[in-house]
Structures are given as C-alpha cells and as structure tokens.
Amino acid sequence: MSGQSNHVGPIVFADETARAQLLEHGECVTFRVDDRTAGETWWRESRLGEKEGDCLVAHIDAVDPADESALEPYRELSGFATVGDWQAAIAELNGAMDSGHLYRVTVDGDSDV
C-alpha cells in the first residue's frame, strides 16, 4: 500500500431534483461547467454544507448543454422529467455556456445515505 488516497474533493448537489435522484436511486448523472477530479469522495447540499454521504464520481464526457442529443441518453439518471427541464436547471445554476462535463455519481452502499 502506497499510503496515498484516491479521494477527491467533495461534490455539491445544490439542485433539489438531482439531489432527490441521488438519494432515491443511489446514482445521478450531473452536469458540471468545469472538468473536475473523479474518484472516491463525499457529497453535500451546498458549497459549505456538511457531508451527506460517501460517493464515487466518474467522468462520462464533455458536452454542449444546449445539445439535447448529448443530454438525452443520460436524462433519466439526471432525475429530470425532460431534457428541457435539465437544461433549465443547468442554466439557472451556471448561466449561459457552451460546454461542460457529465459525471455519474453513485453513493457508497456503506454510507449513511
């Protein structure tokens, strides 16, 4: 064992719909403007909020959030009823943009979630 951890910085689920998807189904595909580290971490509801549970973050792909066909394959795991609803949430949290990244977040079965 090298002594190094593969834990990465926590991930925030500020959107209620995405957070409900994570809590109810144990996984969520989420959009992030910036490329972030993937690996074992924990999630919280706000930037400075307390830990809600352990999770694993995996990068899916870079996407244009305005491109419905890029989001549609992941829409069900996003928790949103339609791609349009997901796009509206992305815009509300991030403003206008033409690129970002999709991540699959799965909760750790041993966590409190």
Protein backbone atom coordinates (compact mmCIF):
# COMPACT_ATOMS: atom_id res chain seq x y z
CA MET A 1 0.00 0.00 0.00
CA SER A 2 1.43 3.35 -1.05
CA GLY A 3 -0.26 5.41 1.64
CA GLN A 4 -1.82 7.69 -0.96
CA SER A 5 -5.58 8.14 -1.04
CA ASN A 6 -7.61 8.33 -4.21
CA HIS A 7 -10.16 10.59 -2.51
CA VAL A 8 -11.02 13.78 -4.38
CA GLY A 9 -12.76 17.00 -3.38
CA PRO A 10 -16.44 16.81 -2.43
CA ILE A 11 -19.24 17.29 -4.94
CA VAL A 12 -22.21 19.61 -4.33
CA PHE A 13 -25.81 18.72 -5.17
CA ALA A 14 -27.50 22.11 -4.82
CA ASP A 15 -30.33 21.24 -7.21
CA GLU A 16 -33.26 19.57 -5.42
CA THR A 17 -34.19 17.34 -8.38
CA ALA A 18 -30.66 16.00 -8.84
CA ARG A 19 -30.27 15.53 -5.09
CA ALA A 20 -33.55 13.58 -4.94
CA GLN A 21 -32.34 11.36 -7.80
CA LEU A 22 -29.15 10.60 -5.89
CA LEU A 23 -30.97 9.89 -2.63
CA GLU A 24 -33.80 7.81 -4.11
CA HIS A 25 -31.86 5.81 -6.71
CA GLY A 26 -28.29 5.82 -5.42
CA GLU A 27 -26.94 7.35 -8.61
CA CYS A 28 -27.21 10.53 -10.62
CA VAL A 29 -25.74 11.89 -13.84
CA THR A 30 -24.85 15.50 -13.19
CA PHE A 31 -23.53 18.40 -15.28
CA ARG A 32 -20.54 20.48 -14.23
CA VAL A 33 -19.13 23.51 -16.06
CA ASP A 34 -15.55 22.66 -15.21
CA ASP A 35 -13.72 19.38 -15.53
CA ARG A 36 -13.30 18.02 -12.02
CA THR A 37 -11.40 15.16 -10.50
CA ALA A 38 -13.06 11.77 -10.44
CA GLY A 39 -12.81 9.14 -7.73
CA GLU A 40 -13.98 8.46 -4.20
CA THR A 41 -15.36 11.47 -2.33
CA TRP A 42 -18.40 12.68 -0.44
CA TRP A 43 -21.34 14.88 -1.37
CA ARG A 44 -23.09 17.80 0.27
CA GLU A 45 -26.07 20.09 -0.45
CA SER A 46 -24.17 23.38 -0.56
CA ARG A 47 -20.61 24.59 -1.08
CA LEU A 48 -20.00 24.90 2.65
CA GLY A 49 -22.54 22.30 3.78
CA GLU A 50 -21.89 19.25 5.89
CA LYS A 51 -21.15 15.83 4.49
CA GLU A 52 -24.32 13.99 3.47
CA GLY A 53 -22.78 10.73 2.29
CA ASP A 54 -19.91 8.99 0.53
CA CYS A 55 -19.93 8.62 -3.25
CA LEU A 56 -17.91 7.78 -6.32
CA VAL A 57 -17.59 10.33 -9.15
CA ALA A 58 -16.87 9.09 -12.69
CA HIS A 59 -16.37 11.32 -15.73
CA ILE A 60 -18.66 10.48 -18.66
CA ASP A 61 -17.88 13.03 -21.36
CA ALA A 62 -17.52 16.69 -22.31
CA VAL A 63 -20.80 18.03 -23.73
CA ASP A 64 -22.56 21.12 -25.03
CA PRO A 65 -25.50 21.52 -22.62
CA ALA A 66 -27.54 23.20 -25.39
CA ASP A 67 -27.32 19.99 -27.47
CA GLU A 68 -30.36 17.92 -26.49
CA SER A 69 -28.91 14.81 -28.14
CA ALA A 70 -25.86 14.98 -25.84
CA LEU A 71 -28.01 15.00 -22.70
CA GLU A 72 -30.87 12.69 -23.73
CA PRO A 73 -29.03 9.37 -23.15
CA TYR A 74 -28.46 10.44 -19.52
CA ARG A 75 -31.72 12.29 -18.88
CA GLU A 76 -33.36 9.50 -16.86
CA LEU A 77 -30.38 9.27 -14.49
CA SER A 78 -30.34 13.07 -14.12
CA GLY A 79 -33.66 12.94 -12.28
CA PHE A 80 -35.31 15.45 -14.60
CA ALA A 81 -38.57 14.70 -16.45
CA THR A 82 -37.32 16.22 -19.71
CA VAL A 83 -34.05 17.37 -21.26
CA GLY A 84 -35.55 20.88 -21.30
CA ASP A 85 -36.07 20.77 -17.53
CA TRP A 86 -32.46 19.63 -17.09
CA GLN A 87 -31.18 22.38 -19.39
CA ALA A 88 -33.17 24.98 -17.43
CA ALA A 89 -31.61 23.78 -14.17
CA ILE A 90 -28.13 23.86 -15.73
CA ALA A 91 -28.71 27.43 -16.91
CA GLU A 92 -30.12 28.51 -13.54
CA LEU A 93 -27.09 27.20 -11.65
CA ASN A 94 -24.40 28.14 -14.17
CA GLY A 95 -25.66 30.83 -16.53
CA ALA A 96 -25.15 30.61 -20.28
CA MET A 97 -22.37 28.37 -21.53
CA ASP A 98 -21.49 26.18 -24.48
CA SER A 99 -19.51 23.42 -22.82
CA GLY A 100 -19.24 21.35 -19.69
CA HIS A 101 -18.90 17.82 -18.40
CA LEU A 102 -21.20 15.00 -17.38
CA TYR A 103 -20.39 12.86 -14.35
CA ARG A 104 -22.03 9.75 -12.95
CA VAL A 105 -22.19 9.89 -9.17
CA THR A 106 -23.01 6.73 -7.22
CA VAL A 107 -23.48 6.61 -3.47
CA ASP A 108 -21.40 4.27 -1.37
CA GLY A 109 -23.60 1.47 -0.12
CA ASP A 110 -21.95 1.68 3.29
CA SER A 111 -22.65 5.40 3.77
CA ASP A 112 -25.49 6.98 5.71
CA VAL A 113 -27.43 7.76 2.52
